[in-house]
């Protein structure tokens, strides 16, 4: 599956358009990560527990988006974007979305 944040793929021709595809996941903070984050807030530094949590969330969202596109017969997703929103205290949604297409 080809993924691109461009509206077209250089060197490829879009021959079919399947529409919007999306994948999302909602993740909650972890108590252990909250404690480590609290300590980092005092002394400074990267909140690596949260960095890993967001990385996993993005990967899961993208994989779900790809699965949806494959079910439609697409071999590429263009104009890929990410969005995040808070859905509850301590929980956030990561959404990946784009346009499923077939390219040659």
PDB file of N, CA and C in Angstrom:
ATOM      1  N   UNK A   1       0.852  -1.182   0.000  1.00  0.00           N
ATOM      2  CA  UNK A   1       0.000   0.000   0.000  1.00  0.00           C
ATOM      3  C   UNK A   1       0.892   1.238   0.000  1.00  0.00           C
ATOM      4  N   UNK A   2       0.647   2.117  -0.948  1.00  0.00           N
ATOM      5  CA  UNK A   2       1.382   3.376  -1.022  1.00  0.00           C
ATOM      6  C   UNK A   2       0.610   4.414  -0.205  1.00  0.00           C
ATOM      7  N   UNK A   3       1.296   5.097   0.690  1.00  0.00           N
ATOM      8  CA  UNK A   3       0.691   6.170   1.478  1.00  0.00           C
ATOM      9  C   UNK A   3       1.399   7.477   1.134  1.00  0.00           C
ATOM     10  N   UNK A   4       0.612   8.539   0.959  1.00  0.00           N
ATOM     11  CA  UNK A   4       1.208   9.831   0.644  1.00  0.00           C
ATOM     12  C   UNK A   4       0.357  10.952   1.225  1.00  0.00           C
ATOM     13  N   UNK A   5       1.032  12.004   1.665  1.00  0.00           N
ATOM     14  CA  UNK A   5       0.285  13.178   2.114  1.00  0.00           C
ATOM     15  C   UNK A   5       0.036  14.144   0.955  1.00  0.00           C
ATOM     16  N   UNK A   6       0.489  13.776  -0.253  1.00  0.00           N
ATOM     17  CA  UNK A   6       0.206  14.556  -1.457  1.00  0.00           C
ATOM     18  C   UNK A   6      -1.152  14.151  -2.027  1.00  0.00           C
ATOM     19  N   UNK A   7      -1.726  15.009  -2.855  1.00  0.00           N
ATOM     20  CA  UNK A   7      -3.013  14.687  -3.480  1.00  0.00           C
ATOM     21  C   UNK A   7      -2.853  13.762  -4.673  1.00  0.00           C
ATOM     22  N   UNK A   8      -1.653  13.677  -5.210  1.00  0.00           N
ATOM     23  CA  UNK A   8      -1.347  12.780  -6.326  1.00  0.00           C
ATOM     24  C   UNK A   8      -0.047  12.066  -6.010  1.00  0.00           C
ATOM     25  N   UNK A   9       0.282  11.071  -6.828  1.00  0.00           N
ATOM     26  CA  UNK A   9       1.544  10.370  -6.669  1.00  0.00           C
ATOM     27  C   UNK A   9       2.394  10.620  -7.911  1.00  0.00           C
ATOM     28  N   UNK A  10       3.498  11.303  -7.783  1.00  0.00           N
ATOM     29  CA  UNK A  10       4.347  11.578  -8.941  1.00  0.00           C
ATOM     30  C   UNK A  10       4.722  10.282  -9.668  1.00  0.00           C
ATOM     31  N   UNK A  11       4.549  10.285 -10.979  1.00  0.00           N
ATOM     32  CA  UNK A  11       4.884   9.117 -11.780  1.00  0.00           C
ATOM     33  C   UNK A  11       3.799   8.069 -11.832  1.00  0.00           C
ATOM     34  N   UNK A  12       2.711   8.282 -11.125  1.00  0.00           N
ATOM     35  CA  UNK A  12       1.591   7.327 -11.102  1.00  0.00           C
ATOM     36  C   UNK A  12       0.330   8.030 -11.594  1.00  0.00           C
ATOM     37  N   UNK A  13      -0.571   7.248 -12.145  1.00  0.00           N
ATOM     38  CA  UNK A  13      -1.860   7.768 -12.594  1.00  0.00           C
ATOM     39  C   UNK A  13      -2.959   7.155 -11.748  1.00  0.00           C
ATOM     40  N   UNK A  14      -3.817   7.995 -11.185  1.00  0.00           N
ATOM     41  CA  UNK A  14      -4.957   7.499 -10.423  1.00  0.00           C
ATOM     42  C   UNK A  14      -6.006   7.032 -11.419  1.00  0.00           C
ATOM     43  N   UNK A  15      -6.357   5.735 -11.340  1.00  0.00           N
ATOM     44  CA  UNK A  15      -7.318   5.161 -12.287  1.00  0.00           C
ATOM     45  C   UNK A  15      -8.666   4.851 -11.637  1.00  0.00           C
ATOM     46  N   UNK A  16      -8.705   4.845 -10.311  1.00  0.00           N
ATOM     47  CA  UNK A  16      -9.971   4.621  -9.596  1.00  0.00           C
ATOM     48  C   UNK A  16      -9.922   5.372  -8.276  1.00  0.00           C
ATOM     49  N   UNK A  17     -11.082   5.873  -7.882  1.00  0.00           N
ATOM     50  CA  UNK A  17     -11.220   6.659  -6.656  1.00  0.00           C
ATOM     51  C   UNK A  17     -12.269   5.965  -5.794  1.00  0.00           C
ATOM     52  N   UNK A  18     -11.891   5.545  -4.582  1.00  0.00           N
ATOM     53  CA  UNK A  18     -12.798   4.805  -3.707  1.00  0.00           C
ATOM     54  C   UNK A  18     -13.355   5.631  -2.565  1.00  0.00           C
ATOM     55  N   UNK A  19     -12.843   6.825  -2.368  1.00  0.00           N
ATOM     56  CA  UNK A  19     -13.366   7.697  -1.329  1.00  0.00           C
ATOM     57  C   UNK A  19     -12.577   7.668  -0.035  1.00  0.00           C
ATOM     58  N   UNK A  20     -13.171   8.277   0.959  1.00  0.00           N
ATOM     59  CA  UNK A  20     -12.534   8.450   2.259  1.00  0.00           C
ATOM     60  C   UNK A  20     -12.361   7.123   2.979  1.00  0.00           C
ATOM     61  N   UNK A  21     -11.181   6.923   3.527  1.00  0.00           N
ATOM     62  CA  UNK A  21     -10.918   5.800   4.425  1.00  0.00           C
ATOM     63  C   UNK A  21     -10.329   6.379   5.702  1.00  0.00           C
ATOM     64  N   UNK A  22     -10.554   5.668   6.781  1.00  0.00           N
ATOM     65  CA  UNK A  22     -10.077   6.173   8.066  1.00  0.00           C
ATOM     66  C   UNK A  22      -9.792   5.032   9.022  1.00  0.00           C
ATOM     67  N   UNK A  23      -8.983   5.317   9.988  1.00  0.00           N
ATOM     68  CA  UNK A  23      -8.699   4.382  11.063  1.00  0.00           C
ATOM     69  C   UNK A  23      -8.467   5.188  12.320  1.00  0.00           C
ATOM     70  N   UNK A  24      -8.945   4.683  13.434  1.00  0.00           N
ATOM     71  CA  UNK A  24      -8.744   5.429  14.670  1.00  0.00           C
ATOM     72  C   UNK A  24      -8.544   4.477  15.840  1.00  0.00           C
ATOM     73  N   UNK A  25      -8.022   5.035  16.889  1.00  0.00           N
ATOM     74  CA  UNK A  25      -7.883   4.321  18.146  1.00  0.00           C
ATOM     75  C   UNK A  25      -8.009   5.335  19.274  1.00  0.00           C
ATOM     76  N   UNK A  26      -8.505   4.888  20.377  1.00  0.00           N
ATOM     77  CA  UNK A  26      -8.601   5.739  21.568  1.00  0.00           C
ATOM     78  C   UNK A  26      -7.738   5.103  22.640  1.00  0.00           C
ATOM     79  N   UNK A  27      -6.843   5.879  23.161  1.00  0.00           N
ATOM     80  CA  UNK A  27      -5.921   5.381  24.179  1.00  0.00           C
ATOM     81  C   UNK A  27      -6.031   6.219  25.440  1.00  0.00           C
ATOM     82  N   UNK A  28      -5.875   5.547  26.567  1.00  0.00           N
ATOM     83  CA  UNK A  28      -5.892   6.222  27.863  1.00  0.00           C
ATOM     84  C   UNK A  28      -4.479   6.253  28.427  1.00  0.00           C
ATOM     85  N   UNK A  29      -4.229   7.249  29.252  1.00  0.00           N
ATOM     86  CA  UNK A  29      -2.936   7.343  29.921  1.00  0.00           C
ATOM     87  C   UNK A  29      -2.800   6.180  30.903  1.00  0.00           C
ATOM     88  N   UNK A  30      -1.566   5.834  31.186  1.00  0.00           N
ATOM     89  CA  UNK A  30      -1.228   4.738  32.086  1.00  0.00           C
ATOM     90  C   UNK A  30      -0.658   5.327  33.375  1.00  0.00           C
ATOM     91  N   UNK A  31      -1.069   4.791  34.505  1.00  0.00           N
ATOM     92  CA  UNK A  31      -0.634   5.328  35.802  1.00  0.00           C
ATOM     93  C   UNK A  31       0.884   5.382  35.910  1.00  0.00           C
ATOM     94  N   UNK A  32       1.560   4.325  35.496  1.00  0.00           N
ATOM     95  CA  UNK A  32       3.026   4.298  35.552  1.00  0.00           C
ATOM     96  C   UNK A  32       3.639   5.390  34.700  1.00  0.00           C
ATOM     97  N   UNK A  33       3.057   5.607  33.517  1.00  0.00           N
ATOM     98  CA  UNK A  33       3.565   6.661  32.642  1.00  0.00           C
ATOM     99  C   UNK A  33       3.282   8.033  33.246  1.00  0.00           C
ATOM    100  N   UNK A  34       2.136   8.175  33.932  1.00  0.00           N
ATOM    101  CA  UNK A  34       1.809   9.451  34.570  1.00  0.00           C
ATOM    102  C   UNK A  34       2.822   9.794  35.655  1.00  0.00           C
ATOM    103  N   UNK A  35       3.233   8.819  36.430  1.00  0.00           N
ATOM    104  CA  UNK A  35       4.222   9.059  37.489  1.00  0.00           C
ATOM    105  C   UNK A  35       5.548   9.490  36.873  1.00  0.00           C
ATOM    106  N   UNK A  36       5.983   8.754  35.847  1.00  0.00           N
ATOM    107  CA  UNK A  36       7.240   9.110  35.175  1.00  0.00           C
ATOM    108  C   UNK A  36       7.141  10.487  34.538  1.00  0.00           C
ATOM    109  N   UNK A  37       5.982  10.802  33.944  1.00  0.00           N
ATOM    110  CA  UNK A  37       5.789  12.114  33.312  1.00  0.00           C
ATOM    111  C   UNK A  37       5.834  13.222  34.356  1.00  0.00           C
ATOM    112  N   UNK A  38       5.268  12.967  35.539  1.00  0.00           N
ATOM    113  CA  UNK A  38       5.302  13.956  36.611  1.00  0.00           C
ATOM    114  C   UNK A  38       6.721  14.266  37.044  1.00  0.00           C
ATOM    115  N   UNK A  39       7.541  13.237  37.117  1.00  0.00           N
ATOM    116  CA  UNK A  39       8.953  13.436  37.493  1.00  0.00           C
ATOM    117  C   UNK A  39       9.674  14.221  36.397  1.00  0.00           C
ATOM    118  N   UNK A  40       9.416  13.863  35.128  1.00  0.00           N
ATOM    119  CA  UNK A  40      10.058  14.567  34.009  1.00  0.00           C
ATOM    120  C   UNK A  40       9.632  16.032  33.969  1.00  0.00           C
ATOM    121  N   UNK A  41       8.381  16.309  34.355  1.00  0.00           N
ATOM    122  CA  UNK A  41       7.912  17.694  34.375  1.00  0.00           C
ATOM    123  C   UNK A  41       8.702  18.532  35.372  1.00  0.00           C
ATOM    124  N   UNK A  42       9.160  17.904  36.428  1.00  0.00           N
ATOM    125  CA  UNK A  42       9.942  18.614  37.440  1.00  0.00           C
ATOM    126  C   UNK A  42      11.364  18.866  36.931  1.00  0.00           C
ATOM    127  N   UNK A  43      11.990  17.839  36.362  1.00  0.00           N
ATOM    128  CA  UNK A  43      13.394  17.924  35.970  1.00  0.00           C
ATOM    129  C   UNK A  43      13.598  18.225  34.480  1.00  0.00           C
ATOM    130  N   UNK A  44      12.547  18.115  33.693  1.00  0.00           N
ATOM    131  CA  UNK A  44      12.661  18.358  32.252  1.00  0.00           C
ATOM    132  C   UNK A  44      13.041  17.098  31.493  1.00  0.00           C
ATOM    133  N   UNK A  45      12.821  17.124  30.208  1.00  0.00           N
ATOM    134  CA  UNK A  45      13.191  15.991  29.365  1.00  0.00           C
ATOM    135  C   UNK A  45      11.986  15.444  28.610  1.00  0.00           C
ATOM    136  N   UNK A  46      12.278  14.549  27.694  1.00  0.00           N
ATOM    137  CA  UNK A  46      11.228  13.948  26.872  1.00  0.00           C
ATOM    138  C   UNK A  46      10.375  12.994  27.706  1.00  0.00           C
ATOM    139  N   UNK A  47       9.083  13.037  27.464  1.00  0.00           N
ATOM    140  CA  UNK A  47       8.164  12.113  28.122  1.00  0.00           C
ATOM    141  C   UNK A  47       8.079  10.864  27.245  1.00  0.00           C
ATOM    142  N   UNK A  48       9.096  10.015  27.352  1.00  0.00           N
ATOM    143  CA  UNK A  48       9.245   8.888  26.436  1.00  0.00           C
ATOM    144  C   UNK A  48       8.093   7.890  26.518  1.00  0.00           C
ATOM    145  N   UNK A  49       7.480   7.749  27.657  1.00  0.00           N
ATOM    146  CA  UNK A  49       6.322   6.857  27.781  1.00  0.00           C
ATOM    147  C   UNK A  49       5.174   7.332  26.911  1.00  0.00           C
ATOM    148  N   UNK A  50       4.943   8.639  26.897  1.00  0.00           N
ATOM    149  CA  UNK A  50       3.873   9.203  26.063  1.00  0.00           C
ATOM    150  C   UNK A  50       4.266   9.192  24.586  1.00  0.00           C
ATOM    151  N   UNK A  51       5.535   9.407  24.309  1.00  0.00           N
ATOM    152  CA  UNK A  51       6.010   9.342  22.929  1.00  0.00           C
ATOM    153  C   UNK A  51       5.725   7.957  22.349  1.00  0.00           C
ATOM    154  N   UNK A  52       6.040   6.934  23.112  1.00  0.00           N
ATOM    155  CA  UNK A  52       5.789   5.549  22.674  1.00  0.00           C
ATOM    156  C   UNK A  52       4.298   5.274  22.532  1.00  0.00           C
ATOM    157  N   UNK A  53       3.502   5.769  23.461  1.00  0.00           N
ATOM    158  CA  UNK A  53       2.052   5.588  23.403  1.00  0.00           C
ATOM    159  C   UNK A  53       1.482   6.205  22.125  1.00  0.00           C
ATOM    160  N   UNK A  54       1.908   7.413  21.794  1.00  0.00           N
ATOM    161  CA  UNK A  54       1.416   8.076  20.583  1.00  0.00           C
ATOM    162  C   UNK A  54       1.909   7.386  19.327  1.00  0.00           C
ATOM    163  N   UNK A  55       3.143   6.900  19.330  1.00  0.00           N
ATOM    164  CA  UNK A  55       3.675   6.167  18.175  1.00  0.00           C
ATOM    165  C   UNK A  55       2.835   4.915  17.921  1.00  0.00           C
ATOM    166  N   UNK A  56       2.565   4.154  18.969  1.00  0.00           N
ATOM    167  CA  UNK A  56       1.741   2.947  18.833  1.00  0.00           C
ATOM    168  C   UNK A  56       0.341   3.297  18.337  1.00  0.00           C
ATOM    169  N   UNK A  57      -0.218   4.381  18.840  1.00  0.00           N
ATOM    170  CA  UNK A  57      -1.561   4.808  18.436  1.00  0.00           C
ATOM    171  C   UNK A  57      -1.600   5.194  16.966  1.00  0.00           C
ATOM    172  N   UNK A  58      -0.592   5.933  16.507  1.00  0.00           N
ATOM    173  CA  UNK A  58      -0.533   6.307  15.084  1.00  0.00           C
ATOM    174  C   UNK A  58      -0.420   5.070  14.208  1.00  0.00           C
ATOM    175  N   UNK A  59       0.442   4.129  14.592  1.00  0.00           N
ATOM    176  CA  UNK A  59       0.615   2.902  13.810  1.00  0.00           C
ATOM    177  C   UNK A  59      -0.681   2.105  13.727  1.00  0.00           C
ATOM    178  N   UNK A  60      -1.374   1.982  14.844  1.00  0.00           N
ATOM    179  CA  UNK A  60      -2.637   1.240  14.859  1.00  0.00           C
ATOM    180  C   UNK A  60      -3.685   1.927  13.988  1.00  0.00           C
ATOM    181  N   UNK A  61      -3.768   3.250  14.063  1.00  0.00           N
ATOM    182  CA  UNK A  61      -4.723   3.999  13.246  1.00  0.00           C
ATOM    183  C   UNK A  61      -4.421   3.832  11.760  1.00  0.00           C
ATOM    184  N   UNK A  62      -3.149   3.934  11.395  1.00  0.00           N
ATOM    185  CA  UNK A  62      -2.756   3.774   9.990  1.00  0.00           C
ATOM    186  C   UNK A  62      -3.071   2.357   9.509  1.00  0.00           C
ATOM    187  N   UNK A  63      -2.765   1.353  10.318  1.00  0.00           N
ATOM    188  CA  UNK A  63      -3.057  -0.030   9.921  1.00  0.00           C
ATOM    189  C   UNK A  63      -4.547  -0.251   9.709  1.00  0.00           C
ATOM    190  N   UNK A  64      -5.385   0.347  10.520  1.00  0.00           N
ATOM    191  CA  UNK A  64      -6.836   0.226  10.345  1.00  0.00           C
ATOM    192  C   UNK A  64      -7.297   0.946   9.079  1.00  0.00           C
ATOM    193  N   UNK A  65      -6.697   2.090   8.795  1.00  0.00           N
ATOM    194  CA  UNK A  65      -7.027   2.820   7.573  1.00  0.00           C
ATOM    195  C   UNK A  65      -6.622   1.993   6.345  1.00  0.00           C
ATOM    196  N   UNK A  66      -5.437   1.402   6.383  1.00  0.00           N
ATOM    197  CA  UNK A  66      -4.967   0.566   5.277  1.00  0.00           C
ATOM    198  C   UNK A  66      -5.896  -0.625   5.063  1.00  0.00           C
ATOM    199  N   UNK A  67      -6.319  -1.264   6.137  1.00  0.00           N
ATOM    200  CA  UNK A  67      -7.233  -2.405   6.023  1.00  0.00           C
ATOM    201  C   UNK A  67      -8.532  -2.005   5.335  1.00  0.00           C
ATOM    202  N   UNK A  68      -9.055  -0.850   5.696  1.00  0.00           N
ATOM    203  CA  UNK A  68     -10.289  -0.373   5.080  1.00  0.00           C
ATOM    204  C   UNK A  68     -10.074  -0.121   3.587  1.00  0.00           C
ATOM    205  N   UNK A  69      -8.945   0.468   3.224  1.00  0.00           N
ATOM    206  CA  UNK A  69      -8.649   0.738   1.816  1.00  0.00           C
ATOM    207  C   UNK A  69      -8.480  -0.561   1.026  1.00  0.00           C
ATOM    208  N   UNK A  70      -7.826  -1.555   1.616  1.00  0.00           N
ATOM    209  CA  UNK A  70      -7.637  -2.842   0.942  1.00  0.00           C
ATOM    210  C   UNK A  70      -8.977  -3.528   0.679  1.00  0.00           C
ATOM    211  N   UNK A  71      -9.896  -3.423   1.625  1.00  0.00           N
ATOM    212  CA  UNK A  71     -11.225  -4.009   1.441  1.00  0.00           C
ATOM    213  C   UNK A  71     -11.949  -3.392   0.246  1.00  0.00           C
ATOM    214  N   UNK A  72     -11.638  -2.138  -0.061  1.00  0.00           N
ATOM    215  CA  UNK A  72     -12.266  -1.446  -1.188  1.00  0.00           C
ATOM    216  C   UNK A  72     -11.568  -1.749  -2.513  1.00  0.00           C
ATOM    217  N   UNK A  73     -10.388  -2.359  -2.469  1.00  0.00           N
ATOM    218  CA  UNK A  73      -9.632  -2.656  -3.675  1.00  0.00           C
ATOM    219  C   UNK A  73      -8.577  -1.628  -4.012  1.00  0.00           C
ATOM    220  N   UNK A  74      -8.288  -0.714  -3.101  1.00  0.00           N
ATOM    221  CA  UNK A  74      -7.291   0.330  -3.338  1.00  0.00           C
ATOM    222  C   UNK A  74      -5.877  -0.225  -3.185  1.00  0.00           C
ATOM    223  N   UNK A  75      -4.941   0.406  -3.878  1.00  0.00           N
ATOM    224  CA  UNK A  75      -3.532   0.065  -3.688  1.00  0.00           C
ATOM    225  C   UNK A  75      -2.717   1.280  -3.230  1.00  0.00           C
ATOM    226  N   UNK A  76      -3.434   2.384  -2.954  1.00  0.00           N
ATOM    227  CA  UNK A  76      -2.766   3.588  -2.450  1.00  0.00           C
ATOM    228  C   UNK A  76      -3.771   4.445  -1.678  1.00  0.00           C
ATOM    229  N   UNK A  77      -3.242   5.253  -0.776  1.00  0.00           N
ATOM    230  CA  UNK A  77      -4.047   6.235  -0.056  1.00  0.00           C
ATOM    231  C   UNK A  77      -3.321   7.561  -0.189  1.00  0.00           C
ATOM    232  N   UNK A  78      -4.019   8.551  -0.732  1.00  0.00           N
ATOM    233  CA  UNK A  78      -3.426   9.873  -0.927  1.00  0.00           C
ATOM    234  C   UNK A  78      -4.054  10.870   0.044  1.00  0.00           C
ATOM    235  N   UNK A  79      -3.369  11.990   0.183  1.00  0.00           N
ATOM    236  CA  UNK A  79      -3.834  13.076   1.051  1.00  0.00           C
ATOM    237  C   UNK A  79      -4.033  12.595   2.499  1.00  0.00           C
ATOM    238  N   UNK A  80      -3.090  11.786   2.982  1.00  0.00           N
ATOM    239  CA  UNK A  80      -3.180  11.222   4.327  1.00  0.00           C
ATOM    240  C   UNK A  80      -2.962  12.321   5.366  1.00  0.00           C
ATOM    241  N   UNK A  81      -3.813  12.311   6.371  1.00  0.00           N
ATOM    242  CA  UNK A  81      -3.747  13.292   7.458  1.00  0.00           C
ATOM    243  C   UNK A  81      -3.958  12.588   8.799  1.00  0.00           C
ATOM    244  N   UNK A  82      -3.546  13.257   9.860  1.00  0.00           N
ATOM    245  CA  UNK A  82      -3.767  12.781  11.223  1.00  0.00           C
ATOM    246  C   UNK A  82      -4.509  13.849  12.003  1.00  0.00           C
ATOM    247  N   UNK A  83      -5.317  13.403  12.923  1.00  0.00           N
ATOM    248  CA  UNK A  83      -6.033  14.317  13.807  1.00  0.00           C
ATOM    249  C   UNK A  83      -6.079  13.669  15.184  1.00  0.00           C
ATOM    250  N   UNK A  84      -6.129  14.495  16.186  1.00  0.00           N
ATOM    251  CA  UNK A  84      -6.257  13.980  17.540  1.00  0.00           C
ATOM    252  C   UNK A  84      -7.279  14.811  18.291  1.00  0.00           C
ATOM    253  N   UNK A  85      -7.977  14.170  19.203  1.00  0.00           N
ATOM    254  CA  UNK A  85      -8.945  14.895  20.023  1.00  0.00           C
ATOM    255  C   UNK A  85      -9.071  14.198  21.370  1.00  0.00           C
ATOM    256  N   UNK A  86      -9.383  14.975  22.362  1.00  0.00           N
ATOM    257  CA  UNK A  86      -9.621  14.445  23.701  1.00  0.00           C
ATOM    258  C   UNK A  86     -11.061  13.964  23.779  1.00  0.00           C
ATOM    259  N   UNK A  87     -11.251  12.725  24.191  1.00  0.00           N
ATOM    260  CA  UNK A  87     -12.609  12.182  24.273  1.00  0.00           C
ATOM    261  C   UNK A  87     -13.076  12.000  25.716  1.00  0.00           C
ATOM    262  N   UNK A  88     -12.148  11.988  26.631  1.00  0.00           N
ATOM    263  CA  UNK A  88     -12.458  11.881  28.058  1.00  0.00           C
ATOM    264  C   UNK A  88     -11.204  12.307  28.813  1.00  0.00           C
ATOM    265  N   UNK A  89     -11.356  12.576  30.090  1.00  0.00           N
ATOM    266  CA  UNK A  89     -10.185  12.952  30.884  1.00  0.00           C
ATOM    267  C   UNK A  89      -9.176  11.812  30.844  1.00  0.00           C
ATOM    268  N   UNK A  90      -8.000  12.103  30.333  1.00  0.00           N
ATOM    269  CA  UNK A  90      -6.942  11.101  30.280  1.00  0.00           C
ATOM    270  C   UNK A  90      -7.007  10.181  29.078  1.00  0.00           C
ATOM    271  N   UNK A  91      -7.932  10.410  28.130  1.00  0.00           N
ATOM    272  CA  UNK A  91      -8.038   9.557  26.943  1.00  0.00           C
ATOM    273  C   UNK A  91      -8.124  10.422  25.692  1.00  0.00           C
ATOM    274  N   UNK A  92      -7.425   9.984  24.648  1.00  0.00           N
ATOM    275  CA  UNK A  92      -7.413  10.745  23.398  1.00  0.00           C
ATOM    276  C   UNK A  92      -7.602   9.806  22.218  1.00  0.00           C
ATOM    277  N   UNK A  93      -8.217  10.343  21.173  1.00  0.00           N
ATOM    278  CA  UNK A  93      -8.387   9.597  19.927  1.00  0.00           C
ATOM    279  C   UNK A  93      -7.335  10.072  18.931  1.00  0.00           C
ATOM    280  N   UNK A  94      -6.741   9.130  18.246  1.00  0.00           N
ATOM    281  CA  UNK A  94      -5.860   9.427  17.121  1.00  0.00           C
ATOM    282  C   UNK A  94      -6.595   8.920  15.886  1.00  0.00           C
ATOM    283  N   UNK A  95      -6.772   9.794  14.905  1.00  0.00           N
ATOM    284  CA  UNK A  95      -7.485   9.457  13.676  1.00  0.00           C
ATOM    285  C   UNK A  95      -6.547   9.650  12.497  1.00  0.00           C
ATOM    286  N   UNK A  96      -6.449   8.628  11.656  1.00  0.00           N
ATOM    287  CA  UNK A  96      -5.710   8.726  10.396  1.00  0.00           C
ATOM    288  C   UNK A  96      -6.761   8.633   9.295  1.00  0.00           C
ATOM    289  N   UNK A  97      -6.664   9.524   8.292  1.00  0.00           N
ATOM    290  CA  UNK A  97      -7.641   9.471   7.202  1.00  0.00           C
ATOM    291  C   UNK A  97      -7.014   9.922   5.897  1.00  0.00           C
ATOM    292  N   UNK A  98      -7.614   9.496   4.811  1.00  0.00           N
ATOM    293  CA  UNK A  98      -7.106   9.852   3.491  1.00  0.00           C
ATOM    294  C   UNK A  98      -8.087   9.370   2.433  1.00  0.00           C
ATOM    295  N   UNK A  99      -7.681   9.475   1.179  1.00  0.00           N
ATOM    296  CA  UNK A  99      -8.505   9.069   0.055  1.00  0.00           C
ATOM    297  C   UNK A  99      -7.932   7.804  -0.558  1.00  0.00           C
ATOM    298  N   UNK A 100      -8.750   6.750  -0.590  1.00  0.00           N
ATOM    299  CA  UNK A 100      -8.332   5.477  -1.165  1.00  0.00           C
ATOM    300  C   UNK A 100      -8.447   5.552  -2.681  1.00  0.00           C
ATOM    301  N   UNK A 101      -7.382   5.124  -3.373  1.00  0.00           N
ATOM    302  CA  UNK A 101      -7.356   5.150  -4.834  1.00  0.00           C
ATOM    303  C   UNK A 101      -6.654   3.901  -5.351  1.00  0.00           C
ATOM    304  N   UNK A 102      -6.814   3.665  -6.653  1.00  0.00           N
ATOM    305  CA  UNK A 102      -6.019   2.656  -7.356  1.00  0.00           C
ATOM    306  C   UNK A 102      -5.153   3.433  -8.335  1.00  0.00           C
ATOM    307  N   UNK A 103      -3.853   3.128  -8.309  1.00  0.00           N
ATOM    308  CA  UNK A 103      -2.908   3.782  -9.195  1.00  0.00           C
ATOM    309  C   UNK A 103      -2.223   2.768 -10.094  1.00  0.00           C
ATOM    310  N   UNK A 104      -1.760   3.266 -11.229  1.00  0.00           N
ATOM    311  CA  UNK A 104      -0.950   2.447 -12.151  1.00  0.00           C
ATOM    312  C   UNK A 104       0.337   3.174 -12.446  1.00  0.00           C
TER     313      UNK A 104
END
